[in-house]
Structures are given as structure tokens and as C-alpha cells.
C-alpha atoms as a PDB file:
ATOM      1  CA  MET A   1     -43.861 -22.579 -20.076  1.00  0.00           C
ATOM      2  CA  LEU A   2     -40.857 -22.228 -22.731  1.00  0.00           C
ATOM      3  CA  THR A   3     -41.761 -22.848 -26.237  1.00  0.00           C
ATOM      4  CA  ARG A   4     -39.893 -23.066 -29.550  1.00  0.00           C
ATOM      5  CA  SER A   5     -41.146 -19.678 -30.361  1.00  0.00           C
ATOM      6  CA  HIS A   6     -39.757 -18.150 -27.039  1.00  0.00           C
ATOM      7  CA  LEU A   7     -36.552 -19.533 -28.141  1.00  0.00           C
ATOM      8  CA  CYS A   8     -36.426 -18.384 -31.713  1.00  0.00           C
ATOM      9  CA  PHE A   9     -37.522 -14.739 -30.387  1.00  0.00           C
ATOM     10  CA  LEU A  10     -34.671 -14.832 -27.620  1.00  0.00           C
ATOM     11  CA  THR A  11     -32.104 -16.129 -30.319  1.00  0.00           C
ATOM     12  CA  LEU A  12     -33.074 -13.596 -32.646  1.00  0.00           C
ATOM     13  CA  PHE A  13     -33.018 -10.666 -30.132  1.00  0.00           C
ATOM     14  CA  LEU A  14     -29.684 -11.754 -28.682  1.00  0.00           C
ATOM     15  CA  SER A  15     -27.897 -12.217 -31.886  1.00  0.00           C
ATOM     16  CA  VAL A  16     -28.084  -8.440 -32.635  1.00  0.00           C
ATOM     17  CA  THR A  17     -26.466  -7.427 -29.059  1.00  0.00           C
ATOM     18  CA  THR A  18     -22.743  -7.054 -28.685  1.00  0.00           C
ATOM     19  CA  LEU A  19     -21.190  -8.920 -25.654  1.00  0.00           C
ATOM     20  CA  ALA A  20     -17.564  -9.987 -25.174  1.00  0.00           C
ATOM     21  CA  VAL A  21     -16.716 -13.363 -24.346  1.00  0.00           C
ATOM     22  CA  GLU A  22     -13.379 -13.871 -22.546  1.00  0.00           C
ATOM     23  CA  PRO A  23     -12.125 -17.092 -21.136  1.00  0.00           C
ATOM     24  CA  ARG A  24     -13.205 -16.451 -17.653  1.00  0.00           C
ATOM     25  CA  SER A  25     -17.061 -16.314 -18.749  1.00  0.00           C
ATOM     26  CA  LEU A  26     -16.880 -19.944 -19.870  1.00  0.00           C
ATOM     27  CA  VAL A  27     -17.769 -22.598 -17.464  1.00  0.00           C
ATOM     28  CA  ALA A  28     -16.418 -26.161 -17.629  1.00  0.00           C
ATOM     29  CA  GLU A  29     -19.435 -28.807 -18.277  1.00  0.00           C
ATOM     30  CA  GLY A  30     -17.224 -31.506 -17.556  1.00  0.00           C
ATOM     31  CA  TYR A  31     -14.113 -32.998 -18.677  1.00  0.00           C
ATOM     32  CA  LEU A  32     -15.841 -32.182 -22.138  1.00  0.00           C
ATOM     33  CA  SER A  33     -17.096 -28.875 -22.868  1.00  0.00           C
ATOM     34  CA  ASP A  34     -18.929 -28.698 -26.066  1.00  0.00           C
ATOM     35  CA  PHE A  35     -19.955 -25.198 -26.504  1.00  0.00           C
ATOM     36  CA  SER A  36     -20.656 -25.704 -30.518  1.00  0.00           C
ATOM     37  CA  ARG A  37     -23.180 -28.376 -29.609  1.00  0.00           C
ATOM     38  CA  VAL A  38     -21.442 -30.810 -32.134  1.00  0.00           C
ATOM     39  CA  ILE A  39     -20.808 -34.071 -30.132  1.00  0.00           C
ATOM     40  CA  ASP A  40     -23.408 -36.615 -29.742  1.00  0.00           C
ATOM     41  CA  ALA A  41     -24.654 -37.945 -26.429  1.00  0.00           C
ATOM     42  CA  GLY A  42     -23.076 -41.248 -26.652  1.00  0.00           C
ATOM     43  CA  ALA A  43     -19.500 -40.196 -27.556  1.00  0.00           C
ATOM     44  CA  ARG A  44     -19.690 -37.482 -24.392  1.00  0.00           C
ATOM     45  CA  LEU A  45     -20.504 -40.490 -22.095  1.00  0.00           C
ATOM     46  CA  GLU A  46     -17.526 -42.146 -23.498  1.00  0.00           C
ATOM     47  CA  ILE A  47     -15.371 -39.547 -23.337  1.00  0.00           C
ATOM     48  CA  GLU A  48     -16.340 -38.436 -19.761  1.00  0.00           C
ATOM     49  CA  ARG A  49     -15.874 -41.932 -18.583  1.00  0.00           C
ATOM     50  CA  TYR A  50     -12.491 -42.504 -20.081  1.00  0.00           C
ATOM     51  CA  CYS A  51     -11.264 -39.108 -18.504  1.00  0.00           C
ATOM     52  CA  GLY A  52     -12.283 -39.967 -15.198  1.00  0.00           C
ATOM     53  CA  ALA A  53     -10.584 -43.132 -15.562  1.00  0.00           C
ATOM     54  CA  VAL A  54      -7.212 -41.427 -16.541  1.00  0.00           C
ATOM     55  CA  GLU A  55      -7.504 -39.085 -13.491  1.00  0.00           C
ATOM     56  CA  ARG A  56      -8.186 -41.817 -11.164  1.00  0.00           C
ATOM     57  CA  ALA A  57      -4.867 -44.015 -12.457  1.00  0.00           C
ATOM     58  CA  THR A  58      -2.908 -41.206 -13.051  1.00  0.00           C
ATOM     59  CA  GLY A  59      -3.928 -38.023 -11.475  1.00  0.00           C
ATOM     60  CA  VAL A  60      -3.848 -36.028 -14.808  1.00  0.00           C
ATOM     61  CA  GLN A  61      -6.611 -34.142 -15.856  1.00  0.00           C
ATOM     62  CA  MET A  62      -7.746 -33.541 -19.533  1.00  0.00           C
ATOM     63  CA  ALA A  63     -10.109 -30.962 -20.931  1.00  0.00           C
ATOM     64  CA  PHE A  64     -11.607 -31.208 -24.153  1.00  0.00           C
ATOM     65  CA  VAL A  65     -13.274 -28.193 -25.453  1.00  0.00           C
ATOM     66  CA  THR A  66     -15.087 -26.922 -28.698  1.00  0.00           C
ATOM     67  CA  LEU A  67     -15.994 -23.343 -29.254  1.00  0.00           C
ATOM     68  CA  PRO A  68     -17.575 -22.200 -32.792  1.00  0.00           C
ATOM     69  CA  SER A  69     -15.192 -19.541 -33.382  1.00  0.00           C
ATOM     70  CA  LEU A  70     -12.415 -17.096 -31.936  1.00  0.00           C
ATOM     71  CA  GLU A  71     -13.461 -14.334 -34.009  1.00  0.00           C
ATOM     72  CA  GLY A  72     -10.105 -13.408 -34.973  1.00  0.00           C
ATOM     73  CA  ALA A  73      -8.398 -13.735 -31.634  1.00  0.00           C
ATOM     74  CA  ASP A  74      -4.934 -15.353 -31.362  1.00  0.00           C
ATOM     75  CA  LEU A  75      -5.504 -19.290 -30.930  1.00  0.00           C
ATOM     76  CA  GLU A  76      -2.460 -20.047 -28.703  1.00  0.00           C
ATOM     77  CA  ASN A  77      -3.028 -17.092 -26.239  1.00  0.00           C
ATOM     78  CA  PHE A  78      -6.735 -17.745 -25.919  1.00  0.00           C
ATOM     79  CA  THR A  79      -6.155 -21.697 -25.066  1.00  0.00           C
ATOM     80  CA  ASN A  80      -3.632 -20.770 -22.620  1.00  0.00           C
ATOM     81  CA  ASP A  81      -5.641 -18.275 -21.153  1.00  0.00           C
ATOM     82  CA  LEU A  82      -8.533 -20.757 -20.668  1.00  0.00           C
ATOM     83  CA  PHE A  83      -6.229 -23.577 -19.294  1.00  0.00           C
ATOM     84  CA  ARG A  84      -5.038 -21.083 -16.691  1.00  0.00           C
ATOM     85  CA  THR A  85      -8.493 -19.813 -15.931  1.00  0.00           C
ATOM     86  CA  TRP A  86     -10.064 -23.234 -15.206  1.00  0.00           C
ATOM     87  CA  GLY A  87      -6.930 -24.399 -13.971  1.00  0.00           C
ATOM     88  CA  VAL A  88      -6.538 -27.673 -15.494  1.00  0.00           C
ATOM     89  CA  GLY A  89      -4.568 -30.300 -13.578  1.00  0.00           C
ATOM     90  CA  LYS A  90      -3.710 -30.216  -9.884  1.00  0.00           C
ATOM     91  CA  LYS A  91      -1.769 -27.240  -8.262  1.00  0.00           C
ATOM     92  CA  GLY A  92       1.614 -27.728  -7.925  1.00  0.00           C
ATOM     93  CA  LYS A  93       1.895 -30.939 -10.110  1.00  0.00           C
ATOM     94  CA  ASP A  94       0.532 -29.010 -13.310  1.00  0.00           C
ATOM     95  CA  GLU A  95      -0.139 -32.241 -15.212  1.00  0.00           C
ATOM     96  CA  GLY A  96      -3.181 -31.121 -17.192  1.00  0.00           C
ATOM     97  CA  LEU A  97      -4.120 -31.137 -20.818  1.00  0.00           C
ATOM     98  CA  LEU A  98      -6.738 -28.823 -22.946  1.00  0.00           C
ATOM     99  CA  LEU A  99      -7.434 -29.747 -26.520  1.00  0.00           C
ATOM    100  CA  LEU A 100      -9.672 -27.070 -28.142  1.00  0.00           C
ATOM    101  CA  LEU A 101     -11.243 -27.259 -31.416  1.00  0.00           C
ATOM    102  CA  VAL A 102     -12.654 -24.293 -32.890  1.00  0.00           C
ATOM    103  CA  THR A 103     -15.208 -25.941 -35.222  1.00  0.00           C
ATOM    104  CA  ARG A 104     -16.091 -22.939 -37.658  1.00  0.00           C
ATOM    105  CA  ASP A 105     -12.746 -21.898 -38.204  1.00  0.00           C
ATOM    106  CA  ARG A 106     -11.291 -25.474 -38.339  1.00  0.00           C
ATOM    107  CA  HIS A 107      -8.470 -24.620 -35.900  1.00  0.00           C
ATOM    108  CA  SER A 108      -7.478 -26.986 -33.112  1.00  0.00           C
ATOM    109  CA  ARG A 109      -4.753 -26.514 -30.344  1.00  0.00           C
ATOM    110  CA  LEU A 110      -3.353 -28.855 -27.700  1.00  0.00           C
ATOM    111  CA  GLU A 111      -2.029 -26.902 -24.574  1.00  0.00           C
ATOM    112  CA  VAL A 112      -0.149 -29.042 -22.256  1.00  0.00           C
ATOM    113  CA  GLY A 113       0.611 -28.444 -18.423  1.00  0.00           C
ATOM    114  CA  ARG A 114       4.252 -27.952 -17.405  1.00  0.00           C
ATOM    115  CA  GLY A 115       4.094 -31.161 -15.494  1.00  0.00           C
ATOM    116  CA  LEU A 116       3.656 -33.082 -18.534  1.00  0.00           C
ATOM    117  CA  GLU A 117       5.729 -31.558 -21.197  1.00  0.00           C
ATOM    118  CA  PRO A 118       8.406 -34.298 -20.733  1.00  0.00           C
ATOM    119  CA  ILE A 119       5.532 -36.992 -21.918  1.00  0.00           C
ATOM    120  CA  ILE A 120       3.448 -34.983 -24.336  1.00  0.00           C
ATOM    121  CA  THR A 121       6.183 -33.047 -26.336  1.00  0.00           C
ATOM    122  CA  ASP A 122       5.343 -30.486 -28.804  1.00  0.00           C
ATOM    123  CA  GLY A 123       6.091 -32.877 -31.341  1.00  0.00           C
ATOM    124  CA  THR A 124       3.774 -35.616 -29.822  1.00  0.00           C
ATOM    125  CA  ALA A 125       1.284 -32.875 -29.565  1.00  0.00           C
ATOM    126  CA  GLY A 126       1.652 -31.776 -33.235  1.00  0.00           C
ATOM    127  CA  GLU A 127       1.244 -35.497 -34.473  1.00  0.00           C
ATOM    128  CA  LEU A 128      -1.858 -36.104 -32.511  1.00  0.00           C
ATOM    129  CA  LEU A 129      -3.538 -32.975 -34.261  1.00  0.00           C
ATOM    130  CA  ARG A 130      -2.456 -34.320 -37.609  1.00  0.00           C
ATOM    131  CA  GLN A 131      -4.096 -37.890 -36.636  1.00  0.00           C
ATOM    132  CA  MET A 132      -7.476 -35.984 -35.977  1.00  0.00           C
ATOM    133  CA  ARG A 133      -7.669 -34.529 -39.226  1.00  0.00           C
ATOM    134  CA  THR A 134      -9.365 -37.113 -40.823  1.00  0.00           C
ATOM    135  CA  PRO A 135     -12.499 -37.445 -38.469  1.00  0.00           C
ATOM    136  CA  LEU A 136     -12.672 -33.656 -38.277  1.00  0.00           C
ATOM    137  CA  ARG A 137     -12.838 -33.209 -42.089  1.00  0.00           C
ATOM    138  CA  ALA A 138     -15.780 -35.639 -41.880  1.00  0.00           C
ATOM    139  CA  GLY A 139     -17.650 -33.683 -39.249  1.00  0.00           C
ATOM    140  CA  ASP A 140     -17.131 -36.609 -36.774  1.00  0.00           C
ATOM    141  CA  TYR A 141     -15.982 -34.551 -33.694  1.00  0.00           C
ATOM    142  CA  GLY A 142     -16.840 -37.047 -31.128  1.00  0.00           C
ATOM    143  CA  THR A 143     -14.659 -39.605 -32.638  1.00  0.00           C
ATOM    144  CA  ALA A 144     -11.800 -37.068 -32.913  1.00  0.00           C
ATOM    145  CA  PHE A 145     -12.006 -36.474 -29.329  1.00  0.00           C
ATOM    146  CA  GLY A 146     -12.365 -40.171 -28.113  1.00  0.00           C
ATOM    147  CA  THR A 147      -9.429 -41.102 -30.263  1.00  0.00           C
ATOM    148  CA  ALA A 148      -7.070 -38.455 -29.178  1.00  0.00           C
ATOM    149  CA  ALA A 149      -8.147 -38.854 -25.305  1.00  0.00           C
ATOM    150  CA  HIS A 150      -7.179 -42.740 -25.616  1.00  0.00           C
ATOM    151  CA  SER A 151      -3.926 -41.903 -27.297  1.00  0.00           C
ATOM    152  CA  LEU A 152      -3.245 -39.262 -24.948  1.00  0.00           C
ATOM    153  CA  GLY A 153      -4.234 -41.497 -21.940  1.00  0.00           C
ATOM    154  CA  GLN A 154      -2.398 -44.342 -22.916  1.00  0.00           C
ATOM    155  CA  ARG A 155       0.660 -42.593 -23.574  1.00  0.00           C
ATOM    156  CA  ILE A 156       0.502 -41.053 -19.877  1.00  0.00           C
ATOM    157  CA  ALA A 157      -0.277 -44.423 -18.134  1.00  0.00           C
ATOM    158  CA  ALA A 158       2.563 -46.030 -19.763  1.00  0.00           C
ATOM    159  CA  ALA A 159       5.069 -43.324 -18.872  1.00  0.00           C
ATOM    160  CA  LYS A 160       3.644 -43.605 -15.220  1.00  0.00           C
ATOM    161  CA  GLY A 161       3.944 -47.428 -15.195  1.00  0.00           C
ATOM    162  CA  VAL A 162       0.190 -47.626 -14.328  1.00  0.00           C
ATOM    163  CA  THR A 163      -2.927 -49.349 -16.230  1.00  0.00           C
ATOM    164  CA  ILE A 164      -6.150 -47.472 -16.915  1.00  0.00           C
ATOM    165  CA  ALA A 165      -9.119 -49.131 -15.586  1.00  0.00           C
ATOM    166  CA  GLU A 166     -12.175 -48.552 -17.684  1.00  0.00           C
ATOM    167  CA  SER A 167     -15.151 -50.508 -15.492  1.00  0.00           C
ATOM    168  CA  ASP A 168     -17.096 -47.477 -14.913  1.00  0.00           C
ATOM    169  CA  GLN A 169     -20.326 -47.410 -16.788  1.00  0.00           C
ATOM    170  CA  PRO A 170     -22.398 -44.316 -17.595  1.00  0.00           C
ATOM    171  CA  ARG A 171     -26.063 -44.720 -15.842  1.00  0.00           C
ATOM    172  CA  ARG A 172     -28.994 -43.329 -18.020  1.00  0.00           C
ATOM    173  CA  ARG A 173     -31.276 -41.263 -15.955  1.00  0.00           C
ATOM    174  CA  ALA A 174     -34.722 -42.147 -15.304  1.00  0.00           C
ATOM    175  CA  SER A 175     -36.057 -39.655 -17.602  1.00  0.00           C
ATOM    176  CA  GLU A 176     -34.807 -38.978 -21.042  1.00  0.00           C
ATOM    177  CA  GLU A 177     -37.224 -36.591 -22.323  1.00  0.00           C
ATOM    178  CA  PRO A 178     -36.105 -32.880 -21.710  1.00  0.00           C
ATOM    179  CA  SER A 179     -38.303 -31.039 -19.807  1.00  0.00           C
ATOM    180  CA  GLU A 180     -39.686 -27.646 -20.501  1.00  0.00           C
ATOM    181  CA  LEU A 181     -38.144 -24.446 -18.786  1.00  0.00           C
ATOM    182  CA  PRO A 182     -40.506 -22.718 -16.683  1.00  0.00           C
ATOM    183  CA  LEU A 183     -40.943 -19.155 -18.107  1.00  0.00           C
ATOM    184  CA  PRO A 184     -40.469 -17.491 -14.662  1.00  0.00           C
ATOM    185  CA  LEU A 185     -36.800 -18.945 -14.826  1.00  0.00           C
ATOM    186  CA  LEU A 186     -36.416 -17.754 -18.701  1.00  0.00           C
ATOM    187  CA  LEU A 187     -37.400 -14.300 -17.767  1.00  0.00           C
ATOM    188  CA  LEU A 188     -34.950 -14.558 -14.630  1.00  0.00           C
ATOM    189  CA  ALA A 189     -32.054 -15.715 -17.288  1.00  0.00           C
ATOM    190  CA  VAL A 190     -33.230 -12.663 -19.576  1.00  0.00           C
ATOM    191  CA  PHE A 191     -32.865 -10.224 -16.822  1.00  0.00           C
ATOM    192  CA  VAL A 192     -29.477 -11.378 -15.831  1.00  0.00           C
ATOM    193  CA  LEU A 193     -28.298 -10.951 -19.817  1.00  0.00           C
ATOM    194  CA  PHE A 194     -29.705  -7.590 -19.879  1.00  0.00           C
ATOM    195  CA  ALA A 195     -27.403  -6.736 -16.928  1.00  0.00           C
ATOM    196  CA  LEU A 196     -24.394  -8.363 -18.429  1.00  0.00           C
ATOM    197  CA  LEU A 197     -24.986  -6.643 -21.826  1.00  0.00           C
ATOM    198  CA  SER A 198     -25.444  -3.239 -19.975  1.00  0.00           C
ATOM    199  CA  GLY A 199     -22.207  -3.402 -18.171  1.00  0.00           C
ATOM    200  CA  ARG A 200     -20.270  -4.704 -20.822  1.00  0.00           C
ATOM    201  CA  GLY A 201     -21.536  -2.018 -23.200  1.00  0.00           C
ATOM    202  CA  ARG A 202     -20.266   0.592 -20.847  1.00  0.00           C
ATOM    203  CA  ARG A 203     -16.890  -0.614 -20.786  1.00  0.00           C
ATOM    204  CA  GLY A 204     -16.533  -1.092 -24.512  1.00  0.00           C
ATOM    205  CA  GLY A 205     -16.383  -4.088 -26.964  1.00  0.00           C
ATOM    206  CA  GLY A 206     -13.202  -5.720 -26.215  1.00  0.00           C
ATOM    207  CA  GLY A 207     -12.358  -9.179 -25.196  1.00  0.00           C
ATOM    208  CA  TYR A 208     -11.751 -12.449 -27.462  1.00  0.00           C
ATOM    209  CA  TYR A 209     -14.896 -12.117 -28.941  1.00  0.00           C
ATOM    210  CA  GLY A 210     -15.848  -8.217 -28.715  1.00  0.00           C
ATOM    211  CA  GLY A 211     -18.420  -7.270 -31.441  1.00  0.00           C
ATOM    212  CA  GLY A 212     -18.724 -10.853 -32.831  1.00  0.00           C
ATOM    213  CA  GLY A 213     -22.218 -11.852 -31.402  1.00  0.00           C
ATOM    214  CA  GLY A 214     -22.930 -14.184 -33.869  1.00  0.00           C
ATOM    215  CA  PHE A 215     -22.904 -17.537 -31.959  1.00  0.00           C
ATOM    216  CA  LEU A 216     -22.852 -16.151 -28.497  1.00  0.00           C
ATOM    217  CA  PRO A 217     -26.880 -16.232 -28.117  1.00  0.00           C
ATOM    218  CA  GLY A 218     -26.680 -20.070 -29.043  1.00  0.00           C
ATOM    219  CA  LEU A 219     -23.947 -20.461 -26.266  1.00  0.00           C
ATOM    220  CA  ILE A 220     -25.642 -18.272 -23.679  1.00  0.00           C
ATOM    221  CA  LEU A 221     -28.856 -20.060 -24.014  1.00  0.00           C
ATOM    222  CA  GLY A 222     -27.213 -23.571 -24.429  1.00  0.00           C
ATOM    223  CA  SER A 223     -25.801 -22.728 -20.776  1.00  0.00           C
ATOM    224  CA  VAL A 224     -29.170 -21.631 -19.577  1.00  0.00           C
ATOM    225  CA  LEU A 225     -31.017 -24.447 -20.989  1.00  0.00           C
ATOM    226  CA  ASN A 226     -28.486 -27.324 -20.633  1.00  0.00           C
ATOM    227  CA  ARG A 227     -29.568 -28.738 -23.841  1.00  0.00           C
ATOM    228  CA  PRO A 228     -28.696 -28.450 -27.666  1.00  0.00           C
ATOM    229  CA  ALA A 229     -30.467 -25.358 -29.109  1.00  0.00           C
ATOM    230  CA  HIS A 230     -30.600 -27.444 -32.479  1.00  0.00           C
ATOM    231  CA  GLY A 231     -31.240 -31.163 -33.667  1.00  0.00           C
ATOM    232  CA  GLY A 232     -28.658 -33.228 -35.846  1.00  0.00           C
ATOM    233  CA  ARG A 233     -25.892 -34.887 -34.473  1.00  0.00           C
ATOM    234  CA  SER A 234     -25.449 -32.187 -31.690  1.00  0.00           C
ATOM    235  CA  GLY A 235     -25.468 -33.424 -27.858  1.00  0.00           C
ATOM    236  CA  GLY A 236     -25.565 -30.206 -25.819  1.00  0.00           C
ATOM    237  CA  GLY A 237     -25.015 -30.292 -22.090  1.00  0.00           C
ATOM    238  CA  PHE A 238     -25.437 -33.622 -20.618  1.00  0.00           C
ATOM    239  CA  GLY A 239     -28.218 -34.648 -22.335  1.00  0.00           C
ATOM    240  CA  GLY A 240     -30.433 -37.075 -20.549  1.00  0.00           C
ATOM    241  CA  TYR A 241     -27.507 -38.903 -18.945  1.00  0.00           C
ATOM    242  CA  ASP A 242     -24.987 -38.795 -15.922  1.00  0.00           C
ATOM    243  CA  SER A 243     -21.705 -38.027 -17.112  1.00  0.00           C
ATOM    244  CA  GLY A 244     -20.396 -41.417 -15.843  1.00  0.00           C
ATOM    245  CA  GLY A 245     -16.793 -39.991 -15.353  1.00  0.00           C
ATOM    246  CA  GLY A 246     -16.806 -38.493 -11.823  1.00  0.00           C
ATOM    247  CA  PHE A 247     -15.732 -34.942 -12.874  1.00  0.00           C
ATOM    248  CA  GLY A 248     -15.194 -33.122  -9.430  1.00  0.00           C
ATOM    249  CA  GLY A 249     -13.861 -30.068 -11.009  1.00  0.00           C
ATOM    250  CA  PHE A 250     -10.294 -29.026 -12.087  1.00  0.00           C
ATOM    251  CA  GLY A 251      -7.210 -28.430  -9.351  1.00  0.00           C
ATOM    252  CA  GLY A 252      -5.573 -25.316 -10.262  1.00  0.00           C
ATOM    253  CA  GLY A 253      -3.010 -26.417 -12.707  1.00  0.00           C
ATOM    254  CA  ASP A 254      -0.921 -24.078 -15.075  1.00  0.00           C
ATOM    255  CA  SER A 255       0.536 -24.212 -18.207  1.00  0.00           C
ATOM    256  CA  GLY A 256       3.597 -22.361 -19.788  1.00  0.00           C
ATOM    257  CA  GLY A 257       2.376 -22.436 -23.492  1.00  0.00           C
ATOM    258  CA  GLY A 258       3.643 -25.719 -24.151  1.00  0.00           C
ATOM    259  CA  GLY A 259       1.836 -27.959 -27.007  1.00  0.00           C
ATOM    260  CA  SER A 260       0.812 -27.598 -30.733  1.00  0.00           C
ATOM    261  CA  SER A 261      -1.598 -26.076 -33.028  1.00  0.00           C
ATOM    262  CA  GLY A 262      -3.346 -27.265 -36.190  1.00  0.00           C
ATOM    263  CA  SER A 263      -5.720 -26.881 -38.462  1.00  0.00           C
ATOM    264  CA  TRP A 264      -8.239 -29.476 -40.669  1.00  0.00           C
END
């Protein structure tokens, strides 16, 4: 069975390797993908639930993402690539939004799909990012995302002449205790990582995170274990809860680069 010592050993081992991570390597965890593991379970549930209600009422898909660092990559290009890789919004309508917080670098970007640019203008996006600065400076990422989600949802609903119903309630799973990961599954994960490292090594260390490796082990292990690698305020994965938002995947939307960037 997986123990804390196993985790420590693997994290230390992987931290000295070089692995380039690109947008296509990131898999959406839901409407909210907290790769930095900085959002608590309660905030995650509320955001997932609200985003599901927005999609049902308006057809608009909203994606909220945290990453520790871009390791020097261009913020606008990376966010646009991630938006298009995931296909946020329905294909043909392109009504999607992606809000990225780069927590270690303290940078933010709201990417707006082509179909929403008349509603969420660049000026509107910039004002929203400025409003998020206070909770972000306090380290309250859940409140920052939650406030942004409600602000965006209400503006979109008003423009479309609909009302967002918020009656859906999240469900708590029967067991909230995290289960240990069987050692064979852990070894399989290590084998896959070795294969990835070997393949990337032969092609060189390009990409958005080329040569970084600092936060990557935690990101990879967090995805494998579907749980946070540390305590505190983080709430990795979906914790012991169902998302409650009815997320069924993104729909192939596109973005032409509209939106705004900021910092805090």
C-alpha cells in the first residue's frame, strides 16, 4: 500500500527529472482544474455547481484553472493554447471562458471565446481581474474564483435574457476517508512516467515548462492519486465529493485571443 514515505521518495526522484509539459498534457478535472492544489473542497463544490447551472441555462462553458508557474512561457499564448486544446465552449458557437491563475508567478488571464466577445469585452475582462486582486493577495483563491464565476454568469445570463437556477446541491460520498493507493498501481504509474521521461528526453526539453521540473512531480502525482499532495487549504482532485455540477466535458469551442491579463 502507498505510504507517505513512498510519496516522499517519488516526489524527490521526479523533482530531479526534466519533463516538458504542454497544454495537451493537461487533462481537465472538471469546470475547475486546480493543478496548484490551493482551493478547498467547499469552494470547489460551489464553483462546479454554479458552472453547471450556467451551462444548463445559457449553453456557456466556463473553465477555471490554477497552475503553479509557466516557467517563463508567454501567458497569453499558453492560455489560448490551453483553451483551444480543451475546446472550452460548444463547437460552432465558441461560447466559452477560461480563467487561469498562475499562483507562484501571480499572473492571471481571462480568455474569452469568439462567441462571447460582444458580452465579455476586453474591458470587462480587465475589470474582473482587477476585482479579484484583494482575495488573491490574501491567498483566498476559492473566493476569487467563486466571485468571478458569479459575476461572469450573471452578465452572460442577463445578455441572453435567462435566469440561472442554482437548485442543484452537491452530494457527499458515503466515505470521505481517502483510500490508500495499491502499490502495484503506484508501480504502474512510475513505469508510465519512465516511458514519458525517456520519450521527452530524446526530443529535447522544449515546451512551456522545459527544464522546469520543480512543481511537475506534484502535478503528476496529484493527477495519479486524485488527491492533494499536502495539507492546509488545498483541496486537490474532487476530494471526497461528487462535483455536483454535471460536468460532461468541453465541446470543441475556439478562441481568437480575446480577453485580458493581469497580476496581483
